[in-house]
Structure formats: C-alpha cells, structure tokens
N, C-alpha and C. Protein backbone atom coordinates (compact mmCIF):
# COMPACT_ATOMS: atom_id res chain seq x y z
N MET A 1 4.81 33.84 -20.93
CA MET A 1 4.31 33.82 -19.67
C MET A 1 3.76 32.28 -20.16
N ASN A 2 3.18 31.68 -21.29
CA ASN A 2 2.23 30.13 -21.64
C ASN A 2 3.83 29.56 -21.23
N ASN A 3 4.95 29.79 -21.41
CA ASN A 3 6.07 28.61 -20.91
C ASN A 3 6.50 28.86 -19.59
N LEU A 4 6.56 29.49 -19.32
CA LEU A 4 6.57 29.48 -17.91
C LEU A 4 5.22 28.87 -16.96
N ASN A 5 4.09 29.20 -17.73
CA ASN A 5 3.36 28.19 -16.54
C ASN A 5 2.74 26.99 -17.22
N GLY A 6 3.62 26.86 -18.40
CA GLY A 6 3.29 25.05 -18.58
C GLY A 6 4.42 24.17 -17.52
N ALA A 7 5.64 24.91 -17.70
CA ALA A 7 6.70 24.62 -16.44
C ALA A 7 6.38 23.82 -15.30
N ILE A 8 5.33 25.32 -14.79
CA ILE A 8 4.54 24.81 -12.94
C ILE A 8 3.59 23.54 -12.82
N ILE A 9 3.21 23.96 -14.18
CA ILE A 9 1.91 22.72 -13.93
C ILE A 9 3.31 21.02 -14.46
N VAL A 10 3.77 21.04 -15.26
CA VAL A 10 4.77 19.95 -14.99
C VAL A 10 5.26 19.43 -13.78
N GLU A 11 5.77 20.70 -13.22
CA GLU A 11 6.47 20.10 -11.84
C GLU A 11 5.43 19.79 -10.93
N ASN A 12 4.19 20.66 -10.84
CA ASN A 12 3.12 20.57 -9.97
C ASN A 12 3.22 18.69 -10.46
N ARG A 13 2.65 18.88 -11.54
CA ARG A 13 2.02 16.99 -11.98
C ARG A 13 2.90 16.01 -11.00
N GLU A 14 4.58 16.29 -11.84
CA GLU A 14 5.89 15.59 -11.03
C GLU A 14 5.61 15.38 -9.31
N PHE A 15 5.07 16.26 -8.81
CA PHE A 15 5.43 16.37 -7.80
C PHE A 15 4.55 15.64 -6.90
N VAL A 16 2.72 15.71 -7.33
CA VAL A 16 1.70 15.42 -7.04
C VAL A 16 2.12 13.86 -7.64
N ASN A 17 2.54 13.17 -8.26
CA ASN A 17 2.95 12.04 -8.61
C ASN A 17 4.24 11.16 -7.90
N LYS A 18 4.72 11.72 -7.42
CA LYS A 18 5.89 11.59 -5.85
C LYS A 18 5.13 11.05 -4.69
N ALA A 19 4.08 12.60 -4.88
CA ALA A 19 3.08 12.38 -3.08
C ALA A 19 1.94 10.90 -3.57
N LYS A 20 1.57 10.86 -4.57
CA LYS A 20 0.56 9.92 -4.41
C LYS A 20 1.78 8.08 -4.26
N ALA A 21 2.93 8.34 -4.88
CA ALA A 21 3.62 7.46 -4.64
C ALA A 21 3.89 6.98 -3.32
N ILE A 22 4.34 8.14 -2.56
CA ILE A 22 4.79 8.03 -1.16
C ILE A 22 3.41 7.58 0.05
N ILE A 23 2.18 8.06 -0.78
CA ILE A 23 1.57 7.46 0.44
C ILE A 23 0.85 6.10 -0.59
N ILE A 24 1.05 5.45 -1.51
CA ILE A 24 0.95 4.14 -1.70
C ILE A 24 2.07 3.24 -1.18
N VAL A 25 2.95 4.00 -0.54
CA VAL A 25 3.88 2.92 0.14
C VAL A 25 3.88 2.76 1.39
N LEU A 26 3.13 4.19 2.32
CA LEU A 26 3.14 4.13 3.11
C LEU A 26 2.13 3.46 4.06
N HIS A 27 0.72 3.53 3.20
CA HIS A 27 -0.68 2.29 3.05
C HIS A 27 0.20 0.98 3.12
N PHE A 28 1.39 0.24 2.00
CA PHE A 28 1.31 -0.80 2.00
C PHE A 28 2.14 -0.93 3.44
N PHE A 29 2.97 -0.13 4.07
CA PHE A 29 3.79 -0.42 4.97
C PHE A 29 2.74 -0.80 6.07
N ALA A 30 1.89 -0.13 6.17
CA ALA A 30 1.12 0.45 7.23
C ALA A 30 0.36 -0.91 7.43
N ASN A 31 -0.13 -1.40 6.37
CA ASN A 31 -1.39 -2.85 6.11
C ASN A 31 -0.09 -3.88 6.24
N LYS A 32 1.06 -3.67 6.28
CA LYS A 32 1.92 -4.94 6.16
C LYS A 32 1.91 -5.02 7.69
N PHE A 33 2.23 -3.96 8.52
CA PHE A 33 2.42 -3.85 10.15
C PHE A 33 0.97 -4.20 10.44
N LYS A 34 -0.23 -4.14 10.10
CA LYS A 34 -1.17 -4.13 10.71
C LYS A 34 -1.38 -5.84 10.56
N TYR A 35 -1.11 -6.38 9.60
CA TYR A 35 -1.33 -8.02 9.34
C TYR A 35 -0.66 -9.29 10.35
N LEU A 36 1.15 -8.26 10.53
CA LEU A 36 1.51 -8.70 11.21
C LEU A 36 1.41 -8.77 12.58
N GLN A 37 0.64 -7.68 12.96
CA GLN A 37 0.06 -7.75 14.44
C GLN A 37 -1.08 -8.94 14.34
N PHE A 38 -2.15 -8.94 13.72
CA PHE A 38 -3.01 -9.41 13.17
C PHE A 38 -2.65 -11.08 13.46
N ILE A 39 -1.38 -11.36 13.03
CA ILE A 39 -1.10 -12.23 13.04
C ILE A 39 -0.31 -13.16 14.32
N LYS A 40 0.15 -12.19 14.84
CA LYS A 40 0.85 -12.26 16.30
C LYS A 40 -0.01 -12.80 17.33
N GLN A 41 -1.06 -11.94 16.95
CA GLN A 41 -2.42 -12.30 18.15
C GLN A 41 -3.16 -13.78 17.53
N CYS A 42 -3.19 -14.25 16.34
CA CYS A 42 -3.38 -15.21 16.25
C CYS A 42 -3.12 -16.66 16.87
N ASN A 43 -4.20 -17.70 16.79
CA ASN A 43 -3.55 -18.77 17.44
C ASN A 43 -2.94 -19.36 16.11
N ALA A 44 -1.99 -20.41 16.44
CA ALA A 44 -1.21 -21.14 15.32
C ALA A 44 -2.34 -22.33 14.46
N LYS A 45 -3.51 -22.88 15.35
CA LYS A 45 -4.27 -23.24 14.77
C LYS A 45 -5.34 -22.76 13.67
N TRP A 46 -5.38 -21.77 14.10
CA TRP A 46 -6.79 -20.79 13.44
C TRP A 46 -5.73 -20.37 12.14
N LEU A 47 -4.45 -19.58 12.37
CA LEU A 47 -4.29 -19.38 11.36
C LEU A 47 -3.42 -20.13 10.43
N PHE A 48 -3.45 -21.79 10.37
CA PHE A 48 -3.17 -23.11 9.80
C PHE A 48 -4.07 -22.63 8.80
N LEU A 49 -5.70 -22.50 9.55
CA LEU A 49 -6.91 -22.97 8.92
C LEU A 49 -7.31 -21.54 7.67
N LEU A 50 -7.13 -20.49 8.34
CA LEU A 50 -7.13 -19.29 7.34
C LEU A 50 -6.01 -19.54 6.43
N LYS A 51 -5.00 -20.37 6.37
CA LYS A 51 -4.13 -19.90 5.71
C LYS A 51 -4.48 -20.95 4.17
N ASN A 52 -5.38 -22.01 4.97
CA ASN A 52 -5.89 -23.06 4.08
C ASN A 52 -6.70 -22.42 2.91
N LYS A 53 -7.54 -21.40 3.82
CA LYS A 53 -8.84 -21.14 3.01
C LYS A 53 -8.51 -20.08 1.92
N ILE A 54 -6.93 -19.21 2.43
CA ILE A 54 -6.81 -18.49 1.41
C ILE A 54 -6.37 -19.25 0.28
N SER A 55 -5.23 -20.31 0.76
CA SER A 55 -4.94 -21.05 -0.77
C SER A 55 -6.27 -21.31 -1.68
N ASP A 56 -7.00 -22.11 -0.73
CA ASP A 56 -8.18 -22.50 -1.81
C ASP A 56 -8.98 -21.43 -2.67
N LYS A 57 -8.68 -20.34 -2.15
CA LYS A 57 -9.81 -19.26 -2.72
C LYS A 57 -8.96 -18.75 -4.29
N TYR A 58 -7.08 -18.23 -3.83
CA TYR A 58 -6.71 -17.87 -4.34
C TYR A 58 -6.06 -18.91 -4.99
N LEU A 59 -5.49 -20.12 -5.10
CA LEU A 59 -4.67 -20.41 -6.24
C LEU A 59 -5.65 -21.53 -6.85
C-alpha cells in the first residue's frame, strides 16, 4: 500500500509542476499582450523617452 501511495504522490507532484509551468507561461503571454497594447497606446516620443529611462536604469 505504501508503494501505491508513493506513486500517487509522485504523479500529483508532476501534475502540480506541469500546472505551475502552464500558469507561468500564461502569465508571461498575458503580460506580453498587455505590454503590446500599452505600447500601441503610447505615442512615439513618450515611448522613446521611456526606453531611454529603462536603458539608463538597467544597462
């Protein structure tokens, strides 16, 4: 019986890991889509200034 329980726990862990991976991917695409929408709404000059700020901050 212990072996059976162990197998179920391992299977559940694998399922949870897959579910986490799927959630992370979905979040990534959702954020990317929001970011693309955000860029479309911005005008080019403001976007240029923002890019320069980001570059200064992270590079």
